[in-house]
Amino acid sequence: MIKTLTKHGNSLALVIEKPILELLGADAETPFDITTDGQVLILSPVKDADRGEAFKAALDKVNSRYPKALKKLAE
């Protein structure tokens, strides 16, 4: 599906149709995590904020504990 951005005040918005929101189990109140690799935009509905925070904390712990090994793996 190809979408175009819509002008919304001084910003641009991406309209997500209802069938896609239903597929994701999301609605107007659902927070989304937005990430990018510099080329691709990734929108992920946040279903359980506590789980997301726990994952981020675990990821930060691993990153701080094994920075050299992770850098080597990334090469």
N, C-alpha and C. Protein backbone atom coordinates (compact mmCIF):
# COMPACT_ATOMS: atom_id res chain seq x y z
N MET A 1 0.84 -1.16 0.00
CA MET A 1 0.00 0.00 0.00
C MET A 1 0.89 1.23 0.00
N ILE A 2 0.64 2.13 -0.89
CA ILE A 2 1.40 3.38 -0.95
C ILE A 2 0.51 4.49 -0.41
N LYS A 3 1.06 5.28 0.50
CA LYS A 3 0.34 6.38 1.14
C LYS A 3 1.09 7.68 0.90
N THR A 4 0.37 8.78 0.96
CA THR A 4 1.00 10.09 0.92
C THR A 4 0.69 10.82 2.21
N LEU A 5 1.56 11.72 2.58
CA LEU A 5 1.37 12.49 3.80
C LEU A 5 0.35 13.59 3.56
N THR A 6 -0.36 13.96 4.61
CA THR A 6 -1.39 14.99 4.56
C THR A 6 -0.94 16.16 5.41
N LYS A 7 -1.10 17.38 4.92
CA LYS A 7 -0.75 18.57 5.69
C LYS A 7 -1.68 18.68 6.89
N HIS A 8 -1.09 18.92 8.06
CA HIS A 8 -1.85 19.05 9.31
C HIS A 8 -1.21 20.18 10.10
N GLY A 9 -1.72 21.41 9.92
CA GLY A 9 -1.10 22.58 10.53
C GLY A 9 0.26 22.80 9.92
N ASN A 10 1.30 22.93 10.76
CA ASN A 10 2.67 23.09 10.28
C ASN A 10 3.40 21.75 10.14
N SER A 11 2.66 20.66 10.30
CA SER A 11 3.25 19.32 10.25
C SER A 11 2.64 18.52 9.11
N LEU A 12 3.11 17.30 8.98
CA LEU A 12 2.54 16.35 8.04
C LEU A 12 2.03 15.15 8.82
N ALA A 13 0.94 14.56 8.35
CA ALA A 13 0.33 13.42 9.05
C ALA A 13 0.19 12.25 8.10
N LEU A 14 0.24 11.06 8.65
CA LEU A 14 -0.01 9.84 7.89
C LEU A 14 -1.33 9.28 8.41
N VAL A 15 -2.32 9.18 7.55
CA VAL A 15 -3.63 8.66 7.95
C VAL A 15 -3.61 7.14 7.83
N ILE A 16 -3.99 6.47 8.92
CA ILE A 16 -4.03 5.01 8.94
C ILE A 16 -5.50 4.61 8.94
N GLU A 17 -5.91 3.87 7.92
CA GLU A 17 -7.30 3.48 7.78
C GLU A 17 -7.74 2.50 8.87
N LYS A 18 -9.04 2.51 9.14
CA LYS A 18 -9.61 1.70 10.19
C LYS A 18 -9.31 0.20 10.06
N PRO A 19 -9.39 -0.40 8.87
CA PRO A 19 -9.07 -1.84 8.79
C PRO A 19 -7.66 -2.18 9.25
N ILE A 20 -6.71 -1.29 8.98
CA ILE A 20 -5.33 -1.55 9.42
C ILE A 20 -5.24 -1.39 10.94
N LEU A 21 -5.91 -0.38 11.48
CA LEU A 21 -5.92 -0.20 12.93
C LEU A 21 -6.55 -1.41 13.61
N GLU A 22 -7.64 -1.93 13.04
CA GLU A 22 -8.29 -3.11 13.61
C GLU A 22 -7.37 -4.32 13.55
N LEU A 23 -6.65 -4.46 12.45
CA LEU A 23 -5.69 -5.56 12.32
C LEU A 23 -4.62 -5.49 13.41
N LEU A 24 -4.19 -4.28 13.75
CA LEU A 24 -3.18 -4.07 14.78
C LEU A 24 -3.75 -4.07 16.19
N GLY A 25 -5.08 -4.03 16.29
CA GLY A 25 -5.71 -3.94 17.60
C GLY A 25 -5.49 -2.57 18.21
N ALA A 26 -5.45 -1.53 17.37
CA ALA A 26 -5.17 -0.17 17.82
C ALA A 26 -6.38 0.73 17.56
N ASP A 27 -6.41 1.84 18.28
CA ASP A 27 -7.44 2.85 18.06
C ASP A 27 -6.82 4.22 18.29
N ALA A 28 -7.65 5.24 18.38
CA ALA A 28 -7.15 6.62 18.53
C ALA A 28 -6.39 6.83 19.83
N GLU A 29 -6.61 5.98 20.82
CA GLU A 29 -5.95 6.13 22.12
C GLU A 29 -4.67 5.30 22.25
N THR A 30 -4.38 4.48 21.27
CA THR A 30 -3.22 3.59 21.34
C THR A 30 -1.93 4.37 21.08
N PRO A 31 -0.97 4.31 22.02
CA PRO A 31 0.32 4.96 21.75
C PRO A 31 1.12 4.10 20.76
N PHE A 32 1.91 4.75 19.94
CA PHE A 32 2.77 4.06 18.97
C PHE A 32 4.21 4.39 19.25
N ASP A 33 5.06 3.38 19.16
CA ASP A 33 6.51 3.56 19.23
C ASP A 33 6.97 3.80 17.81
N ILE A 34 7.71 4.89 17.58
CA ILE A 34 8.18 5.23 16.24
C ILE A 34 9.70 5.11 16.23
N THR A 35 10.20 4.25 15.33
CA THR A 35 11.65 4.07 15.20
C THR A 35 12.02 4.17 13.72
N THR A 36 13.30 4.37 13.48
CA THR A 36 13.80 4.42 12.11
C THR A 36 15.23 3.94 12.07
N ASP A 37 15.62 3.44 10.92
CA ASP A 37 17.02 3.11 10.70
C ASP A 37 17.66 4.14 9.76
N GLY A 38 16.96 5.24 9.52
CA GLY A 38 17.44 6.27 8.62
C GLY A 38 16.88 6.12 7.22
N GLN A 39 16.32 4.96 6.92
CA GLN A 39 15.73 4.69 5.61
C GLN A 39 14.25 4.32 5.71
N VAL A 40 13.90 3.64 6.80
CA VAL A 40 12.57 3.08 6.97
C VAL A 40 11.98 3.60 8.27
N LEU A 41 10.69 3.91 8.24
CA LEU A 41 9.96 4.35 9.43
C LEU A 41 9.15 3.16 9.93
N ILE A 42 9.25 2.84 11.21
CA ILE A 42 8.55 1.70 11.78
C ILE A 42 7.63 2.21 12.88
N LEU A 43 6.34 1.94 12.73
CA LEU A 43 5.33 2.29 13.73
C LEU A 43 4.86 1.01 14.40
N SER A 44 4.98 0.94 15.72
CA SER A 44 4.56 -0.25 16.46
C SER A 44 3.62 0.16 17.58
N PRO A 45 2.41 -0.40 17.61
CA PRO A 45 1.51 -0.05 18.71
C PRO A 45 2.09 -0.56 20.03
N VAL A 46 2.00 0.26 21.05
CA VAL A 46 2.47 -0.12 22.38
C VAL A 46 1.29 -0.73 23.11
N LYS A 47 1.33 -2.04 23.30
CA LYS A 47 0.23 -2.75 23.94
C LYS A 47 0.36 -2.75 25.46
N ASP A 48 1.59 -2.89 25.92
CA ASP A 48 1.84 -3.00 27.36
C ASP A 48 3.06 -2.16 27.69
N ALA A 49 2.82 -0.96 28.19
CA ALA A 49 3.92 -0.03 28.45
C ALA A 49 4.93 -0.61 29.44
N ASP A 50 4.46 -1.35 30.45
CA ASP A 50 5.38 -1.93 31.44
C ASP A 50 6.31 -2.94 30.79
N ARG A 51 5.78 -3.73 29.87
CA ARG A 51 6.61 -4.71 29.18
C ARG A 51 7.66 -4.02 28.32
N GLY A 52 7.25 -2.94 27.65
CA GLY A 52 8.19 -2.19 26.83
C GLY A 52 9.30 -1.58 27.66
N GLU A 53 8.95 -1.05 28.81
CA GLU A 53 9.96 -0.47 29.71
C GLU A 53 10.91 -1.54 30.24
N ALA A 54 10.37 -2.71 30.56
CA ALA A 54 11.21 -3.80 31.06
C ALA A 54 12.18 -4.26 29.96
N PHE A 55 11.68 -4.33 28.73
CA PHE A 55 12.54 -4.72 27.61
C PHE A 55 13.64 -3.69 27.40
N LYS A 56 13.29 -2.40 27.44
CA LYS A 56 14.28 -1.35 27.25
C LYS A 56 15.34 -1.40 28.34
N ALA A 57 14.92 -1.64 29.59
CA ALA A 57 15.87 -1.74 30.69
C ALA A 57 16.82 -2.92 30.48
N ALA A 58 16.27 -4.06 30.04
CA ALA A 58 17.11 -5.23 29.79
C ALA A 58 18.07 -4.98 28.64
N LEU A 59 17.59 -4.31 27.60
CA LEU A 59 18.44 -3.99 26.46
C LEU A 59 19.57 -3.05 26.87
N ASP A 60 19.25 -2.03 27.67
CA ASP A 60 20.28 -1.11 28.15
C ASP A 60 21.33 -1.84 28.99
N LYS A 61 20.87 -2.79 29.80
CA LYS A 61 21.79 -3.55 30.65
C LYS A 61 22.75 -4.37 29.78
N VAL A 62 22.21 -5.05 28.77
CA VAL A 62 23.04 -5.86 27.88
C VAL A 62 24.01 -4.97 27.11
N ASN A 63 23.52 -3.83 26.60
CA ASN A 63 24.39 -2.91 25.86
C ASN A 63 25.53 -2.37 26.72
N SER A 64 25.26 -2.07 27.98
CA SER A 64 26.31 -1.55 28.85
C SER A 64 27.26 -2.65 29.32
N ARG A 65 26.76 -3.87 29.38
CA ARG A 65 27.58 -4.97 29.88
C ARG A 65 28.51 -5.55 28.81
N TYR A 66 28.05 -5.55 27.54
CA TYR A 66 28.81 -6.18 26.47
C TYR A 66 29.01 -5.26 25.26
N PRO A 67 29.47 -4.03 25.48
CA PRO A 67 29.58 -3.11 24.33
C PRO A 67 30.58 -3.57 23.27
N LYS A 68 31.71 -4.12 23.68
CA LYS A 68 32.72 -4.54 22.71
C LYS A 68 32.22 -5.70 21.86
N ALA A 69 31.60 -6.68 22.49
CA ALA A 69 31.09 -7.84 21.76
C ALA A 69 29.99 -7.42 20.79
N LEU A 70 29.10 -6.54 21.21
CA LEU A 70 28.02 -6.10 20.34
C LEU A 70 28.55 -5.28 19.17
N LYS A 71 29.57 -4.47 19.43
CA LYS A 71 30.17 -3.70 18.34
C LYS A 71 30.82 -4.63 17.33
N LYS A 72 31.50 -5.65 17.82
CA LYS A 72 32.15 -6.62 16.95
C LYS A 72 31.12 -7.37 16.11
N LEU A 73 29.99 -7.74 16.70
CA LEU A 73 28.93 -8.41 15.97
C LEU A 73 28.32 -7.52 14.90
N ALA A 74 28.29 -6.22 15.15
CA ALA A 74 27.69 -5.28 14.21
C ALA A 74 28.58 -5.02 12.99
N GLU A 75 29.85 -5.33 13.08
CA GLU A 75 30.77 -5.08 11.97
C GLU A 75 30.60 -6.05 10.83
